[in-house]
Amino acid sequence: MSECLQSIASGGPGGETPRPSTTSRGAAAARQFSVNDRVTWAMREGGYGLVLPVPAVVRKIGTRRVQIEVAQRINGQWVRVPKKVLPDRLSPRTGHVPELDDRLPAQSGTPPRSTVP
């Protein structure tokens, strides 16, 4: 076998091919977002590669995951539900979603403000 083919078969001139770290990819992707950013979460649902776009708001940024809040309808009312997701599943969102951006309180668990003084 020639030297070129041996080099390719062994994974390169050093013998091993360096693999990119998943934590460095996640940390780099998380840096592009900040708290209160509007994002779209590409949620994998079911099988066969089905991906659903879910509007969300960034709440916390960790080293590996980003905590977001999504609007979910429970018993006829919209409720904010926190989710921890990988940052590479998020993309910026420009569209306005009233259930997330208008009607809900700033933090989950707090009662909505009354409009009557």
C-alpha atoms as a PDB file:
ATOM      1  CA  MET A   1       0.000   0.000   0.000  1.00  0.00           C
ATOM      2  CA  SER A   2       1.372   3.451  -0.852  1.00  0.00           C
ATOM      3  CA  GLU A   3       2.124   6.052   1.841  1.00  0.00           C
ATOM      4  CA  CYS A   4      -0.796   8.216   0.700  1.00  0.00           C
ATOM      5  CA  LEU A   5      -3.308   5.377   1.051  1.00  0.00           C
ATOM      6  CA  GLN A   6      -1.850   4.378   4.434  1.00  0.00           C
ATOM      7  CA  SER A   7      -2.202   7.969   5.622  1.00  0.00           C
ATOM      8  CA  ILE A   8      -5.849   8.111   4.546  1.00  0.00           C
ATOM      9  CA  ALA A   9      -6.639   4.682   6.002  1.00  0.00           C
ATOM     10  CA  SER A  10      -5.087   5.552   9.353  1.00  0.00           C
ATOM     11  CA  GLY A  11      -7.069   8.791   9.639  1.00  0.00           C
ATOM     12  CA  GLY A  12      -4.453  11.281   8.507  1.00  0.00           C
ATOM     13  CA  PRO A  13      -0.751  11.896   8.962  1.00  0.00           C
ATOM     14  CA  GLY A  14      -0.978  11.873  12.784  1.00  0.00           C
ATOM     15  CA  GLY A  15      -2.914   8.626  12.938  1.00  0.00           C
ATOM     16  CA  GLU A  16      -6.190  10.009  14.323  1.00  0.00           C
ATOM     17  CA  THR A  17      -8.640  12.519  13.003  1.00  0.00           C
ATOM     18  CA  PRO A  18      -9.483  15.178  15.603  1.00  0.00           C
ATOM     19  CA  ARG A  19     -13.184  15.368  16.360  1.00  0.00           C
ATOM     20  CA  PRO A  20     -14.821  18.699  17.120  1.00  0.00           C
ATOM     21  CA  SER A  21     -16.041  19.030  20.674  1.00  0.00           C
ATOM     22  CA  THR A  22     -19.811  19.133  21.065  1.00  0.00           C
ATOM     23  CA  THR A  23     -19.499  21.508  24.008  1.00  0.00           C
ATOM     24  CA  SER A  24     -17.546  24.035  21.962  1.00  0.00           C
ATOM     25  CA  ARG A  25     -20.161  23.908  19.183  1.00  0.00           C
ATOM     26  CA  GLY A  26     -22.996  24.350  21.683  1.00  0.00           C
ATOM     27  CA  ALA A  27     -21.263  27.173  23.515  1.00  0.00           C
ATOM     28  CA  ALA A  28     -20.547  29.015  20.270  1.00  0.00           C
ATOM     29  CA  ALA A  29     -24.158  28.649  19.142  1.00  0.00           C
ATOM     30  CA  ALA A  30     -25.456  29.794  22.541  1.00  0.00           C
ATOM     31  CA  ARG A  31     -23.394  32.986  22.399  1.00  0.00           C
ATOM     32  CA  GLN A  32     -25.398  34.273  19.462  1.00  0.00           C
ATOM     33  CA  PHE A  33     -28.520  34.546  21.661  1.00  0.00           C
ATOM     34  CA  SER A  34     -29.217  36.728  24.675  1.00  0.00           C
ATOM     35  CA  VAL A  35     -31.939  36.728  27.330  1.00  0.00           C
ATOM     36  CA  ASN A  36     -35.395  37.848  26.085  1.00  0.00           C
ATOM     37  CA  ASP A  37     -34.534  37.153  22.431  1.00  0.00           C
ATOM     38  CA  ARG A  38     -37.379  35.890  20.264  1.00  0.00           C
ATOM     39  CA  VAL A  39     -36.436  32.546  18.728  1.00  0.00           C
ATOM     40  CA  THR A  40     -37.944  29.627  16.856  1.00  0.00           C
ATOM     41  CA  TRP A  41     -37.255  26.175  18.291  1.00  0.00           C
ATOM     42  CA  ALA A  42     -37.015  23.367  15.724  1.00  0.00           C
ATOM     43  CA  MET A  43     -38.713  20.665  17.818  1.00  0.00           C
ATOM     44  CA  ARG A  44     -38.329  17.091  16.632  1.00  0.00           C
ATOM     45  CA  GLU A  45     -41.694  15.384  16.933  1.00  0.00           C
ATOM     46  CA  GLY A  46     -42.367  11.721  16.402  1.00  0.00           C
ATOM     47  CA  GLY A  47     -40.456   9.792  13.823  1.00  0.00           C
ATOM     48  CA  TYR A  48     -39.606  10.082  10.164  1.00  0.00           C
ATOM     49  CA  GLY A  49     -37.703  13.365  10.605  1.00  0.00           C
ATOM     50  CA  LEU A  50     -40.731  15.535  11.389  1.00  0.00           C
ATOM     51  CA  VAL A  51     -39.591  18.943  12.703  1.00  0.00           C
ATOM     52  CA  LEU A  52     -42.098  21.495  14.028  1.00  0.00           C
ATOM     53  CA  PRO A  53     -41.253  25.204  14.320  1.00  0.00           C
ATOM     54  CA  VAL A  54     -42.209  26.409  17.818  1.00  0.00           C
ATOM     55  CA  PRO A  55     -41.983  30.128  18.735  1.00  0.00           C
ATOM     56  CA  ALA A  56     -40.181  30.777  22.030  1.00  0.00           C
ATOM     57  CA  VAL A  57     -38.390  33.355  24.187  1.00  0.00           C
ATOM     58  CA  VAL A  58     -34.877  32.825  25.615  1.00  0.00           C
ATOM     59  CA  ARG A  59     -34.812  32.921  29.440  1.00  0.00           C
ATOM     60  CA  LYS A  60     -31.380  31.536  30.460  1.00  0.00           C
ATOM     61  CA  ILE A  61     -28.199  30.622  28.635  1.00  0.00           C
ATOM     62  CA  GLY A  62     -26.142  27.756  29.999  1.00  0.00           C
ATOM     63  CA  THR A  63     -22.902  26.180  28.909  1.00  0.00           C
ATOM     64  CA  ARG A  64     -24.580  23.354  26.953  1.00  0.00           C
ATOM     65  CA  ARG A  65     -28.274  24.211  26.763  1.00  0.00           C
ATOM     66  CA  VAL A  66     -30.525  27.233  26.507  1.00  0.00           C
ATOM     67  CA  GLN A  67     -33.663  27.566  28.620  1.00  0.00           C
ATOM     68  CA  ILE A  68     -36.602  28.886  26.634  1.00  0.00           C
ATOM     69  CA  GLU A  69     -40.275  29.496  27.324  1.00  0.00           C
ATOM     70  CA  VAL A  70     -42.934  28.313  24.910  1.00  0.00           C
ATOM     71  CA  ALA A  71     -46.667  28.988  24.970  1.00  0.00           C
ATOM     72  CA  GLN A  72     -48.812  25.906  25.538  1.00  0.00           C
ATOM     73  CA  ARG A  73     -52.585  25.750  25.754  1.00  0.00           C
ATOM     74  CA  ILE A  74     -53.658  23.929  28.934  1.00  0.00           C
ATOM     75  CA  ASN A  75     -57.369  23.682  29.873  1.00  0.00           C
ATOM     76  CA  GLY A  76     -58.253  26.498  27.472  1.00  0.00           C
ATOM     77  CA  GLN A  77     -55.647  28.985  28.770  1.00  0.00           C
ATOM     78  CA  TRP A  78     -52.223  29.889  27.414  1.00  0.00           C
ATOM     79  CA  VAL A  79     -49.436  29.032  29.861  1.00  0.00           C
ATOM     80  CA  ARG A  80     -45.682  29.569  29.536  1.00  0.00           C
ATOM     81  CA  VAL A  81     -43.765  26.317  29.817  1.00  0.00           C
ATOM     82  CA  PRO A  82     -39.959  26.267  30.291  1.00  0.00           C
ATOM     83  CA  LYS A  83     -37.892  23.927  28.123  1.00  0.00           C
ATOM     84  CA  LYS A  84     -34.146  23.244  28.018  1.00  0.00           C
ATOM     85  CA  VAL A  85     -32.953  22.778  24.447  1.00  0.00           C
ATOM     86  CA  LEU A  86     -29.733  22.583  22.466  1.00  0.00           C
ATOM     87  CA  PRO A  87     -28.768  25.959  20.985  1.00  0.00           C
ATOM     88  CA  ASP A  88     -28.256  24.539  17.488  1.00  0.00           C
ATOM     89  CA  ARG A  89     -32.030  23.830  17.397  1.00  0.00           C
ATOM     90  CA  LEU A  90     -32.807  27.576  17.736  1.00  0.00           C
ATOM     91  CA  SER A  91     -32.998  30.297  15.101  1.00  0.00           C
ATOM     92  CA  PRO A  92     -33.891  34.015  15.404  1.00  0.00           C
ATOM     93  CA  ARG A  93     -37.573  34.957  15.062  1.00  0.00           C
ATOM     94  CA  THR A  94     -38.928  38.277  13.799  1.00  0.00           C
ATOM     95  CA  GLY A  95     -42.646  37.470  13.749  1.00  0.00           C
ATOM     96  CA  HIS A  96     -44.926  38.604  16.573  1.00  0.00           C
ATOM     97  CA  VAL A  97     -46.673  35.887  18.625  1.00  0.00           C
ATOM     98  CA  PRO A  98     -49.302  37.429  20.925  1.00  0.00           C
ATOM     99  CA  GLU A  99     -49.407  34.436  23.298  1.00  0.00           C
ATOM    100  CA  LEU A 100     -45.703  34.904  24.076  1.00  0.00           C
ATOM    101  CA  ASP A 101     -45.065  38.584  23.464  1.00  0.00           C
ATOM    102  CA  ASP A 102     -48.217  40.351  24.748  1.00  0.00           C
ATOM    103  CA  ARG A 103     -50.669  38.578  27.015  1.00  0.00           C
ATOM    104  CA  LEU A 104     -48.456  36.547  29.299  1.00  0.00           C
ATOM    105  CA  PRO A 105     -46.606  37.822  32.368  1.00  0.00           C
ATOM    106  CA  ALA A 106     -42.859  38.361  32.172  1.00  0.00           C
ATOM    107  CA  GLN A 107     -42.027  35.318  34.334  1.00  0.00           C
ATOM    108  CA  SER A 108     -43.979  32.110  34.712  1.00  0.00           C
ATOM    109  CA  GLY A 109     -45.773  31.698  38.010  1.00  0.00           C
ATOM    110  CA  THR A 110     -46.699  35.377  38.449  1.00  0.00           C
ATOM    111  CA  PRO A 111     -50.325  36.507  38.082  1.00  0.00           C
ATOM    112  CA  PRO A 112     -51.181  38.721  35.088  1.00  0.00           C
ATOM    113  CA  ARG A 113     -51.455  42.443  35.728  1.00  0.00           C
ATOM    114  CA  SER A 114     -54.894  43.958  35.924  1.00  0.00           C
ATOM    115  CA  THR A 115     -55.754  46.693  33.409  1.00  0.00           C
ATOM    116  CA  VAL A 116     -58.181  48.310  35.866  1.00  0.00           C
ATOM    117  CA  PRO A 117     -56.491  50.696  38.388  1.00  0.00           C
END
